[in-house]
Amino acid sequence: MATEAPREHYPTLLRKTSVYLAPGEVTRLASLAEQEGTTRAEVIRRAIRVYEPEQRGDRHFALVASAEGPGGSVADLTEDDLLDGFGA
């Protein structure tokens, strides 16, 4: 009588999904799993847990470059300097 292979039981909180990978990514994933002594799925789960989105530039548009310049205040300018260019 042949013995049946043990069935693996997965926690019910996990959801099955599919991921399309390029051949090189599949090779790297398998290599990482082997090095870590774990499954490919666990490597992916770990990578997702530590993933940080790339910064895509400053989203505070009003503040961009606001600290650039000579550092003086418009309040320090004379009235003549303020009116210069207005034909006064």
Protein backbone atom coordinates (compact mmCIF):
# COMPACT_ATOMS: atom_id res chain seq x y z
CA MET A 1 0.00 0.00 0.00
CA ALA A 2 1.48 3.34 -1.03
CA THR A 3 1.67 6.10 1.52
CA GLU A 4 0.03 9.36 0.64
CA ALA A 5 2.16 12.50 0.66
CA PRO A 6 1.38 14.73 3.64
CA ARG A 7 -0.91 17.60 2.80
CA GLU A 8 0.22 21.08 3.63
CA HIS A 9 -2.31 23.18 5.50
CA TYR A 10 -2.32 26.90 4.87
CA PRO A 11 -3.69 29.44 7.32
CA THR A 12 -7.21 30.45 6.33
CA LEU A 13 -6.20 34.13 6.47
CA LEU A 14 -4.11 33.78 3.30
CA ARG A 15 -5.62 34.35 -0.14
CA LYS A 16 -4.27 32.64 -3.24
CA THR A 17 -3.14 34.92 -6.06
CA SER A 18 -1.11 34.68 -9.24
CA VAL A 19 1.88 36.81 -10.18
CA TYR A 20 3.36 37.04 -13.66
CA LEU A 21 7.16 37.14 -13.57
CA ALA A 22 9.81 37.36 -16.26
CA PRO A 23 12.11 34.32 -16.53
CA GLY A 24 14.95 36.14 -14.74
CA GLU A 25 12.63 37.11 -11.90
CA VAL A 26 11.48 33.50 -11.51
CA THR A 27 15.10 32.38 -11.34
CA ARG A 28 15.94 35.03 -8.75
CA LEU A 29 12.86 34.21 -6.67
CA ALA A 30 13.73 30.50 -6.64
CA SER A 31 17.32 31.30 -5.70
CA LEU A 32 16.26 33.57 -2.84
CA ALA A 33 13.83 30.97 -1.52
CA GLU A 34 16.53 28.29 -1.62
CA GLN A 35 19.06 30.56 0.13
CA GLU A 36 16.54 31.39 2.85
CA GLY A 37 15.28 27.83 3.18
CA THR A 38 11.71 28.93 2.62
CA THR A 39 9.06 28.98 -0.09
CA ARG A 40 8.82 31.34 -3.03
CA ALA A 41 5.49 32.54 -1.63
CA GLU A 42 7.14 33.45 1.68
CA VAL A 43 9.87 35.42 -0.13
CA ILE A 44 7.15 37.41 -1.92
CA ARG A 45 5.20 37.98 1.33
CA ARG A 46 8.36 39.23 3.07
CA ALA A 47 9.18 41.54 0.15
CA ILE A 48 5.66 43.02 0.24
CA ARG A 49 5.87 43.63 4.00
CA VAL A 50 9.06 45.71 3.67
CA TYR A 51 8.21 47.44 0.37
CA GLU A 52 8.31 51.24 0.38
CA PRO A 53 6.87 53.15 -2.60
CA GLU A 54 9.31 55.21 -4.65
CA GLN A 55 9.29 58.93 -4.00
CA ARG A 56 7.89 60.71 -7.05
CA GLY A 57 8.86 64.27 -6.27
CA ASP A 58 7.65 66.87 -3.86
CA ARG A 59 3.86 66.89 -3.46
CA HIS A 60 3.94 70.16 -1.45
CA PHE A 61 3.86 72.39 -4.52
CA ALA A 62 3.37 75.65 -2.62
CA LEU A 63 6.59 75.10 -0.68
CA VAL A 64 8.81 74.02 -3.57
CA ALA A 65 11.79 76.41 -3.78
CA SER A 66 10.27 78.71 -1.16
CA ALA A 67 13.50 78.65 0.85
CA GLU A 68 15.69 79.58 -2.13
CA GLY A 69 16.97 83.09 -2.73
CA PRO A 70 18.98 85.69 -0.84
CA GLY A 71 17.09 85.12 2.41
CA GLY A 72 15.85 88.70 2.87
CA SER A 73 12.30 89.81 3.41
CA VAL A 74 10.19 92.02 1.17
CA ALA A 75 9.51 94.03 4.33
CA ASP A 76 13.17 95.07 4.34
CA LEU A 77 12.96 96.72 0.88
CA THR A 78 12.57 100.45 0.54
CA GLU A 79 9.46 101.92 -1.04
CA ASP A 80 11.54 103.02 -4.04
CA ASP A 81 12.81 99.46 -4.54
CA LEU A 82 9.29 98.11 -4.33
CA LEU A 83 8.00 100.62 -6.90
CA ASP A 84 10.93 100.16 -9.26
CA GLY A 85 9.60 99.00 -12.62
CA PHE A 86 6.07 100.27 -12.08
CA GLY A 87 6.76 103.65 -13.73
CA ALA A 88 6.60 105.59 -10.47
